[in-house]
Amino acid sequence: MSAFSLANLAFGVAVVLIGAVLLVSRARVLRFVRGRFDKVYREHQFSEEEIARRLPTMSVVVVVACGFAVFGTALIVIGAVSTR
């Protein structure tokens, strides 16, 4: 097994795990992200309506987490195929 395929497999597994954790804890992640965005928007003195319009939604968190899972799976496949 080459170093390239081993690195792809290891990194792919790590990225898939990150995506899985994001999907499982998406409510907590969304609460954290919304808190950070809210703080930054208040520092820039946006109105309440503008803050509510700009805050990220649950679908954004799900899309990002699924992106992690897909990218990690692709790395695992590349690592598995390159071992042959």
Protein backbone atom coordinates (compact mmCIF):
# COMPACT_ATOMS: atom_id res chain seq x y z
CA MET A 1 0.00 0.00 0.00
CA SER A 2 1.48 3.31 -1.07
CA ALA A 3 1.72 6.39 1.11
CA PHE A 4 -0.72 8.20 -1.21
CA SER A 5 -3.47 5.62 -0.81
CA LEU A 6 -2.90 5.34 2.93
CA ALA A 7 -3.08 9.12 3.32
CA ASN A 8 -6.29 9.28 1.27
CA LEU A 9 -7.88 6.51 3.33
CA ALA A 10 -6.90 8.09 6.66
CA PHE A 11 -7.91 11.60 5.67
CA GLY A 12 -11.15 10.32 4.12
CA VAL A 13 -12.14 8.51 7.30
CA ALA A 14 -11.38 11.62 9.36
CA VAL A 15 -13.46 13.85 7.07
CA VAL A 16 -16.39 11.39 7.07
CA LEU A 17 -16.29 11.31 10.87
CA ILE A 18 -16.34 15.11 11.02
CA GLY A 19 -19.34 15.14 8.68
CA ALA A 20 -21.11 12.51 10.80
CA VAL A 21 -20.51 14.48 13.98
CA LEU A 22 -21.83 17.63 12.31
CA LEU A 23 -24.97 15.80 11.20
CA VAL A 24 -25.57 14.25 14.61
CA SER A 25 -25.02 17.48 16.51
CA ARG A 26 -26.48 19.84 13.90
CA ALA A 27 -28.79 21.62 16.37
CA ARG A 28 -25.87 22.42 18.68
CA VAL A 29 -23.69 23.48 15.73
CA LEU A 30 -26.46 25.73 14.41
CA ARG A 31 -26.92 27.32 17.83
CA PHE A 32 -23.15 28.01 18.02
CA VAL A 33 -22.94 29.41 14.48
CA ARG A 34 -26.02 31.59 14.94
CA GLY A 35 -24.57 32.95 18.18
CA ARG A 36 -21.31 33.89 16.49
CA PHE A 37 -23.09 35.51 13.53
CA ASP A 38 -25.43 37.37 15.88
CA LYS A 39 -22.50 38.77 17.85
CA VAL A 40 -20.70 39.95 14.72
CA TYR A 41 -23.83 41.51 13.24
CA ARG A 42 -24.59 43.35 16.49
CA GLU A 43 -21.04 44.71 16.54
CA HIS A 44 -21.67 46.09 13.05
CA GLN A 45 -24.93 47.61 14.29
CA PHE A 46 -27.32 45.86 11.91
CA SER A 47 -31.04 46.16 12.63
CA GLU A 48 -32.95 43.25 14.20
CA GLU A 49 -34.68 42.55 10.87
CA GLU A 50 -31.38 42.49 8.99
CA ILE A 51 -29.83 40.16 11.59
CA ALA A 52 -32.79 37.77 11.36
CA ARG A 53 -32.57 37.77 7.56
CA ARG A 54 -28.83 37.04 7.47
CA LEU A 55 -28.59 34.30 10.11
CA PRO A 56 -27.82 30.84 8.73
CA THR A 57 -30.53 28.18 8.70
CA MET A 58 -30.49 24.45 9.45
CA SER A 59 -30.31 23.63 5.74
CA VAL A 60 -26.92 25.36 5.51
CA VAL A 61 -25.54 23.20 8.32
CA VAL A 62 -26.92 20.03 6.71
CA VAL A 63 -25.45 20.94 3.30
CA VAL A 64 -22.02 21.60 4.81
CA ALA A 65 -22.11 18.34 6.82
CA CYS A 66 -23.19 16.34 3.76
CA GLY A 67 -20.38 17.98 1.80
CA PHE A 68 -17.91 16.72 4.38
CA ALA A 69 -19.38 13.22 4.13
CA VAL A 70 -19.30 13.17 0.31
CA PHE A 71 -15.76 14.55 0.13
CA GLY A 72 -14.54 12.05 2.71
CA THR A 73 -16.20 9.18 0.87
CA ALA A 74 -14.56 10.29 -2.36
CA LEU A 75 -11.17 10.29 -0.65
CA ILE A 76 -11.78 6.78 0.70
CA VAL A 77 -12.72 5.57 -2.78
CA ILE A 78 -9.63 7.17 -4.31
CA GLY A 79 -7.47 5.60 -1.62
CA ALA A 80 -9.05 2.18 -2.10
CA VAL A 81 -8.81 2.29 -5.90
CA SER A 82 -5.19 3.47 -5.88
CA THR A 83 -4.09 0.43 -3.84
CA ARG A 84 -4.66 -1.87 -6.82
